[in-house]
PDB file of all heavy atoms in Angstrom:
ATOM      1  N   ASN A   1     -14.420   4.708  41.002  1.00  0.00           N
ATOM      2  CA  ASN A   1     -13.773   4.780  39.698  1.00  0.00           C
ATOM      3  C   ASN A   1     -12.605   3.808  39.604  1.00  0.00           C
ATOM      4  O   ASN A   1     -12.425   3.119  38.598  1.00  0.00           O
ATOM      5  CB  ASN A   1     -13.282   6.211  39.436  1.00  0.00           C
ATOM      6  CG  ASN A   1     -14.429   7.175  39.218  1.00  0.00           C
ATOM      7  OD1 ASN A   1     -15.154   7.075  38.238  1.00  0.00           O
ATOM      8  ND2 ASN A   1     -14.603   8.112  40.133  1.00  0.00           N
ATOM      9  N   PHE A   2     -11.832   3.734  40.663  1.00  0.00           N
ATOM     10  CA  PHE A   2     -10.646   2.876  40.633  1.00  0.00           C
ATOM     11  C   PHE A   2     -10.970   1.440  41.007  1.00  0.00           C
ATOM     12  O   PHE A   2     -10.260   0.517  40.589  1.00  0.00           O
ATOM     13  CB  PHE A   2      -9.539   3.489  41.491  1.00  0.00           C
ATOM     14  CG  PHE A   2      -8.831   4.602  40.770  1.00  0.00           C
ATOM     15  CD1 PHE A   2      -9.406   5.859  40.664  1.00  0.00           C
ATOM     16  CD2 PHE A   2      -7.629   4.374  40.144  1.00  0.00           C
ATOM     17  CE1 PHE A   2      -8.784   6.874  39.965  1.00  0.00           C
ATOM     18  CE2 PHE A   2      -6.984   5.375  39.430  1.00  0.00           C
ATOM     19  CZ  PHE A   2      -7.565   6.630  39.335  1.00  0.00           C
ATOM     20  N   ILE A   3     -12.036   1.234  41.750  1.00  0.00           N
ATOM     21  CA  ILE A   3     -12.500  -0.137  41.973  1.00  0.00           C
ATOM     22  C   ILE A   3     -12.947  -0.745  40.644  1.00  0.00           C
ATOM     23  O   ILE A   3     -12.650  -1.904  40.342  1.00  0.00           O
ATOM     24  CB  ILE A   3     -13.634  -0.167  43.006  1.00  0.00           C
ATOM     25  CG1 ILE A   3     -13.126   0.341  44.366  1.00  0.00           C
ATOM     26  CG2 ILE A   3     -14.208  -1.573  43.148  1.00  0.00           C
ATOM     27  CD1 ILE A   3     -14.222   0.550  45.400  1.00  0.00           C
ATOM     28  N   LEU A   4     -13.639   0.043  39.829  1.00  0.00           N
ATOM     29  CA  LEU A   4     -14.043  -0.438  38.504  1.00  0.00           C
ATOM     30  C   LEU A   4     -12.819  -0.707  37.628  1.00  0.00           C
ATOM     31  O   LEU A   4     -12.776  -1.701  36.893  1.00  0.00           O
ATOM     32  CB  LEU A   4     -14.970   0.565  37.825  1.00  0.00           C
ATOM     33  CG  LEU A   4     -16.355   0.751  38.452  1.00  0.00           C
ATOM     34  CD1 LEU A   4     -17.155   1.774  37.662  1.00  0.00           C
ATOM     35  CD2 LEU A   4     -17.124  -0.573  38.533  1.00  0.00           C
ATOM     36  N   LEU A   5     -11.807   0.159  37.692  1.00  0.00           N
ATOM     37  CA  LEU A   5     -10.582  -0.096  36.934  1.00  0.00           C
ATOM     38  C   LEU A   5      -9.931  -1.407  37.372  1.00  0.00           C
ATOM     39  O   LEU A   5      -9.449  -2.182  36.535  1.00  0.00           O
ATOM     40  CB  LEU A   5      -9.596   1.063  37.108  1.00  0.00           C
ATOM     41  CG  LEU A   5      -9.912   2.338  36.335  1.00  0.00           C
ATOM     42  CD1 LEU A   5      -9.041   3.486  36.822  1.00  0.00           C
ATOM     43  CD2 LEU A   5      -9.727   2.127  34.822  1.00  0.00           C
ATOM     44  N   ALA A   6      -9.937  -1.667  38.682  1.00  0.00           N
ATOM     45  CA  ALA A   6      -9.399  -2.933  39.180  1.00  0.00           C
ATOM     46  C   ALA A   6     -10.181  -4.106  38.606  1.00  0.00           C
ATOM     47  O   ALA A   6      -9.604  -5.139  38.233  1.00  0.00           O
ATOM     48  CB  ALA A   6      -9.441  -2.958  40.707  1.00  0.00           C
ATOM     49  N   GLY A   7     -11.508  -3.943  38.506  1.00  0.00           N
ATOM     50  CA  GLY A   7     -12.341  -4.994  37.921  1.00  0.00           C
ATOM     51  C   GLY A   7     -12.043  -5.209  36.452  1.00  0.00           C
ATOM     52  O   GLY A   7     -12.065  -6.356  35.958  1.00  0.00           O
ATOM     53  N   ILE A   8     -11.751  -4.141  35.740  1.00  0.00           N
ATOM     54  CA  ILE A   8     -11.409  -4.257  34.317  1.00  0.00           C
ATOM     55  C   ILE A   8     -10.069  -4.965  34.155  1.00  0.00           C
ATOM     56  O   ILE A   8      -9.899  -5.831  33.288  1.00  0.00           O
ATOM     57  CB  ILE A   8     -11.389  -2.858  33.667  1.00  0.00           C
ATOM     58  CG1 ILE A   8     -12.809  -2.292  33.619  1.00  0.00           C
ATOM     59  CG2 ILE A   8     -10.787  -2.919  32.258  1.00  0.00           C
ATOM     60  CD1 ILE A   8     -12.885  -0.825  33.271  1.00  0.00           C
ATOM     61  N   ILE A   9      -9.110  -4.622  34.995  1.00  0.00           N
ATOM     62  CA  ILE A   9      -7.801  -5.289  34.962  1.00  0.00           C
ATOM     63  C   ILE A   9      -7.969  -6.783  35.201  1.00  0.00           C
ATOM     64  O   ILE A   9      -7.352  -7.616  34.524  1.00  0.00           O
ATOM     65  CB  ILE A   9      -6.862  -4.647  36.007  1.00  0.00           C
ATOM     66  CG1 ILE A   9      -6.493  -3.220  35.579  1.00  0.00           C
ATOM     67  CG2 ILE A   9      -5.605  -5.494  36.212  1.00  0.00           C
ATOM     68  CD1 ILE A   9      -5.825  -2.389  36.657  1.00  0.00           C
ATOM     69  N   ARG A  10      -8.835  -7.143  36.137  1.00  0.00           N
ATOM     70  CA  ARG A  10      -9.121  -8.557  36.409  1.00  0.00           C
ATOM     71  C   ARG A  10      -9.681  -9.261  35.172  1.00  0.00           C
ATOM     72  O   ARG A  10      -9.252 -10.360  34.822  1.00  0.00           O
ATOM     73  CB  ARG A  10     -10.131  -8.676  37.557  1.00  0.00           C
ATOM     74  CG  ARG A  10      -9.567  -8.495  38.942  1.00  0.00           C
ATOM     75  CD  ARG A  10     -10.700  -8.379  39.968  1.00  0.00           C
ATOM     76  NE  ARG A  10     -11.696  -9.432  39.836  1.00  0.00           N
ATOM     77  CZ  ARG A  10     -11.655 -10.601  40.471  1.00  0.00           C
ATOM     78  NH1 ARG A  10     -10.658 -10.872  41.293  1.00  0.00           N
ATOM     79  NH2 ARG A  10     -12.607 -11.508  40.304  1.00  0.00           N
ATOM     80  N   GLN A  11     -10.640  -8.620  34.522  1.00  0.00           N
ATOM     81  CA  GLN A  11     -11.291  -9.271  33.387  1.00  0.00           C
ATOM     82  C   GLN A  11     -10.376  -9.385  32.177  1.00  0.00           C
ATOM     83  O   GLN A  11     -10.376 -10.403  31.485  1.00  0.00           O
ATOM     84  CB  GLN A  11     -12.561  -8.502  33.024  1.00  0.00           C
ATOM     85  CG  GLN A  11     -13.667  -8.624  34.072  1.00  0.00           C
ATOM     86  CD  GLN A  11     -14.986  -8.106  33.557  1.00  0.00           C
ATOM     87  OE1 GLN A  11     -15.448  -8.491  32.487  1.00  0.00           O
ATOM     88  NE2 GLN A  11     -15.620  -7.226  34.324  1.00  0.00           N
ATOM     89  N   ILE A  12      -9.603  -8.348  31.906  1.00  0.00           N
ATOM     90  CA  ILE A  12      -8.714  -8.393  30.744  1.00  0.00           C
ATOM     91  C   ILE A  12      -7.644  -9.464  30.915  1.00  0.00           C
ATOM     92  O   ILE A  12      -7.314 -10.202  29.974  1.00  0.00           O
ATOM     93  CB  ILE A  12      -8.051  -7.013  30.524  1.00  0.00           C
ATOM     94  CG1 ILE A  12      -9.100  -5.984  30.066  1.00  0.00           C
ATOM     95  CG2 ILE A  12      -6.931  -7.111  29.485  1.00  0.00           C
ATOM     96  CD1 ILE A  12      -8.568  -4.577  29.960  1.00  0.00           C
ATOM     97  N   THR A  13      -7.092  -9.556  32.122  1.00  0.00           N
ATOM     98  CA  THR A  13      -5.960 -10.464  32.348  1.00  0.00           C
ATOM     99  C   THR A  13      -6.385 -11.857  32.776  1.00  0.00           C
ATOM    100  O   THR A  13      -5.586 -12.802  32.683  1.00  0.00           O
ATOM    101  CB  THR A  13      -5.035  -9.895  33.426  1.00  0.00           C
ATOM    102  OG1 THR A  13      -5.745  -9.811  34.679  1.00  0.00           O
ATOM    103  CG2 THR A  13      -4.521  -8.512  33.036  1.00  0.00           C
ATOM    104  N   GLY A  14      -7.602 -11.993  33.295  1.00  0.00           N
ATOM    105  CA  GLY A  14      -8.039 -13.273  33.821  1.00  0.00           C
ATOM    106  C   GLY A  14      -7.374 -13.634  35.136  1.00  0.00           C
ATOM    107  O   GLY A  14      -7.397 -14.797  35.564  1.00  0.00           O
ATOM    108  N   GLU A  15      -6.793 -12.646  35.800  1.00  0.00           N
ATOM    109  CA  GLU A  15      -6.147 -12.857  37.090  1.00  0.00           C
ATOM    110  C   GLU A  15      -6.651 -11.825  38.089  1.00  0.00           C
ATOM    111  O   GLU A  15      -7.182 -10.772  37.710  1.00  0.00           O
ATOM    112  CB  GLU A  15      -4.626 -12.739  36.965  1.00  0.00           C
ATOM    113  CG  GLU A  15      -3.979 -13.811  36.119  1.00  0.00           C
ATOM    114  CD  GLU A  15      -2.469 -13.771  36.253  1.00  0.00           C
ATOM    115  OE1 GLU A  15      -1.968 -13.842  37.391  1.00  0.00           O
ATOM    116  OE2 GLU A  15      -1.800 -13.655  35.208  1.00  0.00           O
ATOM    117  N   SER A  16      -6.459 -12.103  39.364  1.00  0.00           N
ATOM    118  CA  SER A  16      -6.901 -11.173  40.397  1.00  0.00           C
ATOM    119  C   SER A  16      -6.133  -9.860  40.318  1.00  0.00           C
ATOM    120  O   SER A  16      -5.018  -9.802  39.762  1.00  0.00           O
ATOM    121  CB  SER A  16      -6.698 -11.794  41.786  1.00  0.00           C
ATOM    122  OG  SER A  16      -5.317 -11.901  42.084  1.00  0.00           O
ATOM    123  N   TYR A  17      -6.719  -8.833  40.875  1.00  0.00           N
ATOM    124  CA  TYR A  17      -6.003  -7.561  40.980  1.00  0.00           C
ATOM    125  C   TYR A  17      -4.728  -7.754  41.792  1.00  0.00           C
ATOM    126  O   TYR A  17      -3.673  -7.220  41.435  1.00  0.00           O
ATOM    127  CB  TYR A  17      -6.893  -6.506  41.637  1.00  0.00           C
ATOM    128  CG  TYR A  17      -6.158  -5.198  41.885  1.00  0.00           C
ATOM    129  CD1 TYR A  17      -6.103  -4.213  40.906  1.00  0.00           C
ATOM    130  CD2 TYR A  17      -5.505  -4.958  43.094  1.00  0.00           C
ATOM    131  CE1 TYR A  17      -5.417  -3.026  41.109  1.00  0.00           C
ATOM    132  CE2 TYR A  17      -4.818  -3.785  43.310  1.00  0.00           C
ATOM    133  CZ  TYR A  17      -4.767  -2.819  42.319  1.00  0.00           C
ATOM    134  OH  TYR A  17      -4.075  -1.653  42.529  1.00  0.00           O
ATOM    135  N   ALA A  18      -4.805  -8.526  42.871  1.00  0.00           N
ATOM    136  CA  ALA A  18      -3.636  -8.759  43.726  1.00  0.00           C
ATOM    137  C   ALA A  18      -2.492  -9.377  42.930  1.00  0.00           C
ATOM    138  O   ALA A  18      -1.328  -8.960  43.062  1.00  0.00           O
ATOM    139  CB  ALA A  18      -4.020  -9.664  44.895  1.00  0.00           C
ATOM    140  N   ASN A  19      -2.795 -10.373  42.087  1.00  0.00           N
ATOM    141  CA  ASN A  19      -1.753 -10.996  41.267  1.00  0.00           C
ATOM    142  C   ASN A  19      -1.177 -10.014  40.263  1.00  0.00           C
ATOM    143  O   ASN A  19       0.031 -10.013  39.993  1.00  0.00           O
ATOM    144  CB  ASN A  19      -2.305 -12.221  40.536  1.00  0.00           C
ATOM    145  CG  ASN A  19      -2.477 -13.417  41.451  1.00  0.00           C
ATOM    146  OD1 ASN A  19      -2.034 -13.410  42.595  1.00  0.00           O
ATOM    147  ND2 ASN A  19      -3.141 -14.450  40.953  1.00  0.00           N
ATOM    148  N   ASN A  20      -2.042  -9.189  39.683  1.00  0.00           N
ATOM    149  CA  ASN A  20      -1.555  -8.182  38.741  1.00  0.00           C
ATOM    150  C   ASN A  20      -0.631  -7.188  39.417  1.00  0.00           C
ATOM    151  O   ASN A  20       0.425  -6.828  38.867  1.00  0.00           O
ATOM    152  CB  ASN A  20      -2.736  -7.450  38.097  1.00  0.00           C
ATOM    153  CG  ASN A  20      -3.279  -8.167  36.879  1.00  0.00           C
ATOM    154  OD1 ASN A  20      -2.692  -8.099  35.806  1.00  0.00           O
ATOM    155  ND2 ASN A  20      -4.386  -8.880  37.057  1.00  0.00           N
ATOM    156  N   LEU A  21      -1.000  -6.728  40.599  1.00  0.00           N
ATOM    157  CA  LEU A  21      -0.148  -5.782  41.320  1.00  0.00           C
ATOM    158  C   LEU A  21       1.212  -6.410  41.617  1.00  0.00           C
ATOM    159  O   LEU A  21       2.252  -5.753  41.474  1.00  0.00           O
ATOM    160  CB  LEU A  21      -0.826  -5.351  42.619  1.00  0.00           C
ATOM    161  CG  LEU A  21      -0.114  -4.223  43.374  1.00  0.00           C
ATOM    162  CD1 LEU A  21      -0.363  -2.887  42.689  1.00  0.00           C
ATOM    163  CD2 LEU A  21      -0.574  -4.159  44.825  1.00  0.00           C
ATOM    164  N   GLN A  22       1.192  -7.671  42.009  1.00  0.00           N
ATOM    165  CA  GLN A  22       2.442  -8.365  42.312  1.00  0.00           C
ATOM    166  C   GLN A  22       3.330  -8.472  41.081  1.00  0.00           C
ATOM    167  O   GLN A  22       4.533  -8.163  41.130  1.00  0.00           O
ATOM    168  CB  GLN A  22       2.122  -9.763  42.868  1.00  0.00           C
ATOM    169  CG  GLN A  22       3.332 -10.543  43.345  1.00  0.00           C
ATOM    170  CD  GLN A  22       3.957  -9.987  44.606  1.00  0.00           C
ATOM    171  OE1 GLN A  22       3.282  -9.356  45.421  1.00  0.00           O
ATOM    172  NE2 GLN A  22       5.260 -10.194  44.765  1.00  0.00           N
ATOM    173  N   LYS A  23       2.745  -8.890  39.948  1.00  0.00           N
ATOM    174  CA  LYS A  23       3.525  -9.141  38.741  1.00  0.00           C
ATOM    175  C   LYS A  23       3.901  -7.867  37.992  1.00  0.00           C
ATOM    176  O   LYS A  23       4.969  -7.808  37.370  1.00  0.00           O
ATOM    177  CB  LYS A  23       2.738 -10.059  37.795  1.00  0.00           C
ATOM    178  CG  LYS A  23       2.554 -11.478  38.310  1.00  0.00           C
ATOM    179  CD  LYS A  23       1.756 -12.307  37.309  1.00  0.00           C
ATOM    180  CE  LYS A  23       1.568 -13.739  37.781  1.00  0.00           C
ATOM    181  NZ  LYS A  23       0.778 -14.544  36.818  1.00  0.00           N
ATOM    182  N   ARG A  24       3.030  -6.869  38.033  1.00  0.00           N
ATOM    183  CA  ARG A  24       3.224  -5.690  37.202  1.00  0.00           C
ATOM    184  C   ARG A  24       3.901  -4.521  37.919  1.00  0.00           C
ATOM    185  O   ARG A  24       4.482  -3.650  37.267  1.00  0.00           O
ATOM    186  CB  ARG A  24       1.871  -5.211  36.635  1.00  0.00           C
ATOM    187  CG  ARG A  24       1.234  -6.205  35.694  1.00  0.00           C
ATOM    188  CD  ARG A  24      -0.140  -5.748  35.223  1.00  0.00           C
ATOM    189  NE  ARG A  24      -0.692  -6.699  34.277  1.00  0.00           N
ATOM    190  CZ  ARG A  24      -0.418  -6.708  32.970  1.00  0.00           C
ATOM    191  NH1 ARG A  24       0.395  -5.782  32.470  1.00  0.00           N
ATOM    192  NH2 ARG A  24      -0.941  -7.619  32.187  1.00  0.00           N
ATOM    193  N   ILE A  25       3.821  -4.497  39.243  1.00  0.00           N
ATOM    194  CA  ILE A  25       4.384  -3.374  40.001  1.00  0.00           C
ATOM    195  C   ILE A  25       5.444  -3.858  40.997  1.00  0.00           C
ATOM    196  O   ILE A  25       6.605  -3.435  40.932  1.00  0.00           O
ATOM    197  CB  ILE A  25       3.282  -2.614  40.775  1.00  0.00           C
ATOM    198  CG1 ILE A  25       2.174  -2.142  39.827  1.00  0.00           C
ATOM    199  CG2 ILE A  25       3.903  -1.443  41.541  1.00  0.00           C
ATOM    200  CD1 ILE A  25       2.571  -1.084  38.832  1.00  0.00           C
ATOM    201  N   ILE A  26       5.064  -4.737  41.889  1.00  0.00           N
ATOM    202  CA  ILE A  26       5.945  -5.098  43.006  1.00  0.00           C
ATOM    203  C   ILE A  26       7.188  -5.850  42.531  1.00  0.00           C
ATOM    204  O   ILE A  26       8.319  -5.492  42.917  1.00  0.00           O
ATOM    205  CB  ILE A  26       5.160  -5.919  44.048  1.00  0.00           C
ATOM    206  CG1 ILE A  26       4.084  -5.028  44.699  1.00  0.00           C
ATOM    207  CG2 ILE A  26       6.106  -6.485  45.108  1.00  0.00           C
ATOM    208  CD1 ILE A  26       3.151  -5.765  45.649  1.00  0.00           C
ATOM    209  N   GLU A  27       7.018  -6.872  41.706  1.00  0.00           N
ATOM    210  CA  GLU A  27       8.167  -7.669  41.268  1.00  0.00           C
ATOM    211  C   GLU A  27       9.110  -6.916  40.329  1.00  0.00           C
ATOM    212  O   GLU A  27      10.333  -6.951  40.528  1.00  0.00           O
ATOM    213  CB  GLU A  27       7.698  -8.977  40.640  1.00  0.00           C
ATOM    214  CG  GLU A  27       7.095  -9.933  41.663  1.00  0.00           C
ATOM    215  CD  GLU A  27       6.570 -11.225  41.046  1.00  0.00           C
ATOM    216  OE1 GLU A  27       6.703 -11.404  39.806  1.00  0.00           O
ATOM    217  OE2 GLU A  27       6.006 -12.050  41.799  1.00  0.00           O
ATOM    218  N   PRO A  28       8.611  -6.213  39.304  1.00  0.00           N
ATOM    219  CA  PRO A  28       9.544  -5.491  38.426  1.00  0.00           C
ATOM    220  C   PRO A  28      10.379  -4.449  39.158  1.00  0.00           C
ATOM    221  O   PRO A  28      11.528  -4.201  38.793  1.00  0.00           O
ATOM    222  CB  PRO A  28       8.615  -4.826  37.400  1.00  0.00           C
ATOM    223  CG  PRO A  28       7.374  -5.633  37.416  1.00  0.00           C
ATOM    224  CD  PRO A  28       7.217  -6.125  38.812  1.00  0.00           C
ATOM    225  N   LEU A  29       9.801  -3.838  40.190  1.00  0.00           N
ATOM    226  CA  LEU A  29      10.516  -2.806  40.938  1.00  0.00           C
ATOM    227  C   LEU A  29      11.250  -3.365  42.150  1.00  0.00           C
ATOM    228  O   LEU A  29      11.927  -2.620  42.858  1.00  0.00           O
ATOM    229  CB  LEU A  29       9.531  -1.726  41.397  1.00  0.00           C
ATOM    230  CG  LEU A  29       8.863  -0.929  40.275  1.00  0.00           C
ATOM    231  CD1 LEU A  29       7.843   0.045  40.847  1.00  0.00           C
ATOM    232  CD2 LEU A  29       9.896  -0.197  39.437  1.00  0.00           C
ATOM    233  N   GLU A  30      11.086  -4.661  42.394  1.00  0.00           N
ATOM    234  CA  GLU A  30      11.720  -5.320  43.537  1.00  0.00           C
ATOM    235  C   GLU A  30      11.389  -4.604  44.845  1.00  0.00           C
ATOM    236  O   GLU A  30      12.247  -4.363  45.688  1.00  0.00           O
ATOM    237  CB  GLU A  30      13.238  -5.408  43.329  1.00  0.00           C
ATOM    238  CG  GLU A  30      13.628  -6.208  42.100  1.00  0.00           C
ATOM    239  CD  GLU A  30      15.137  -6.336  41.927  1.00  0.00           C
ATOM    240  OE1 GLU A  30      15.878  -5.992  42.859  1.00  0.00           O
ATOM    241  OE2 GLU A  30      15.566  -6.755  40.838  1.00  0.00           O
ATOM    242  N   LEU A  31      10.105  -4.298  44.987  1.00  0.00           N
ATOM    243  CA  LEU A  31       9.646  -3.640  46.210  1.00  0.00           C
ATOM    244  C   LEU A  31       9.579  -4.677  47.327  1.00  0.00           C
ATOM    245  O   LEU A  31       8.869  -5.667  47.217  1.00  0.00           O
ATOM    246  CB  LEU A  31       8.271  -3.001  45.978  1.00  0.00           C
ATOM    247  CG  LEU A  31       8.186  -1.978  44.845  1.00  0.00           C
ATOM    248  CD1 LEU A  31       6.778  -1.410  44.745  1.00  0.00           C
ATOM    249  CD2 LEU A  31       9.218  -0.866  45.019  1.00  0.00           C
ATOM    250  N   LYS A  32      10.293  -4.431  48.399  1.00  0.00           N
ATOM    251  CA  LYS A  32      10.412  -5.401  49.491  1.00  0.00           C
ATOM    252  C   LYS A  32       9.491  -5.107  50.664  1.00  0.00           C
ATOM    253  O   LYS A  32       9.435  -5.875  51.625  1.00  0.00           O
ATOM    254  CB  LYS A  32      11.863  -5.440  49.991  1.00  0.00           C
ATOM    255  CG  LYS A  32      12.896  -5.745  48.912  1.00  0.00           C
ATOM    256  CD  LYS A  32      12.652  -7.092  48.250  1.00  0.00           C
ATOM    257  CE  LYS A  32      13.758  -7.422  47.239  1.00  0.00           C
ATOM    258  NZ  LYS A  32      13.494  -8.684  46.516  1.00  0.00           N
ATOM    259  N   HIS A  33       8.753  -4.002  50.592  1.00  0.00           N
ATOM    260  CA  HIS A  33       7.913  -3.596  51.721  1.00  0.00           C
ATOM    261  C   HIS A  33       6.507  -3.216  51.261  1.00  0.00           C
ATOM    262  O   HIS A  33       5.868  -2.345  51.856  1.00  0.00           O
ATOM    263  CB  HIS A  33       8.551  -2.411  52.463  1.00  0.00           C
ATOM    264  CG  HIS A  33       9.907  -2.712  53.019  1.00  0.00           C
ATOM    265  ND1 HIS A  33      11.044  -2.697  52.232  1.00  0.00           N
ATOM    266  CD2 HIS A  33      10.303  -3.045  54.274  1.00  0.00           C
ATOM    267  CE1 HIS A  33      12.087  -3.006  52.987  1.00  0.00           C
ATOM    268  NE2 HIS A  33      11.669  -3.224  54.230  1.00  0.00           N
ATOM    269  N   SER A  34       6.025  -3.875  50.212  1.00  0.00           N
ATOM    270  CA  SER A  34       4.706  -3.580  49.647  1.00  0.00           C
ATOM    271  C   SER A  34       3.918  -4.871  49.508  1.00  0.00           C
ATOM    272  O   SER A  34       4.382  -5.813  48.846  1.00  0.00           O
ATOM    273  CB  SER A  34       4.845  -2.895  48.286  1.00  0.00           C
ATOM    274  OG  SER A  34       5.511  -1.651  48.405  1.00  0.00           O
ATOM    275  N   PHE A  35       2.721  -4.889  50.124  1.00  0.00           N
ATOM    276  CA  PHE A  35       1.933  -6.114  50.186  1.00  0.00           C
ATOM    277  C   PHE A  35       0.444  -5.784  50.132  1.00  0.00           C
ATOM    278  O   PHE A  35       0.010  -4.735  50.602  1.00  0.00           O
ATOM    279  CB  PHE A  35       2.200  -6.863  51.505  1.00  0.00           C
ATOM    280  CG  PHE A  35       3.652  -6.997  51.845  1.00  0.00           C
ATOM    281  CD1 PHE A  35       4.249  -6.114  52.735  1.00  0.00           C
ATOM    282  CD2 PHE A  35       4.418  -7.992  51.270  1.00  0.00           C
ATOM    283  CE1 PHE A  35       5.594  -6.226  53.052  1.00  0.00           C
ATOM    284  CE2 PHE A  35       5.763  -8.127  51.583  1.00  0.00           C
ATOM    285  CZ  PHE A  35       6.352  -7.232  52.479  1.00  0.00           C
ATOM    286  N   MET A  36      -0.335  -6.708  49.591  1.00  0.00           N
ATOM    287  CA  MET A  36      -1.771  -6.580  49.706  1.00  0.00           C
ATOM    288  C   MET A  36      -2.173  -6.707  51.172  1.00  0.00           C
ATOM    289  O   MET A  36      -1.449  -7.308  51.979  1.00  0.00           O
ATOM    290  CB  MET A  36      -2.473  -7.652  48.857  1.00  0.00           C
ATOM    291  CG  MET A  36      -2.261  -7.494  47.362  1.00  0.00           C
ATOM    292  SD  MET A  36      -2.744  -5.868  46.722  1.00  0.00           S
ATOM    293  CE  MET A  36      -4.504  -5.885  47.032  1.00  0.00           C
TER     294      MET A  36
END
């Protein structure tokens, strides 16, 4: 279910899931210990 959601996020944004996680979660929260 969540793999498919990751695929939808990729298609809507035109970017990888990894890039989305970085831009949408890790950077806004300034998480220093979270990585793909």
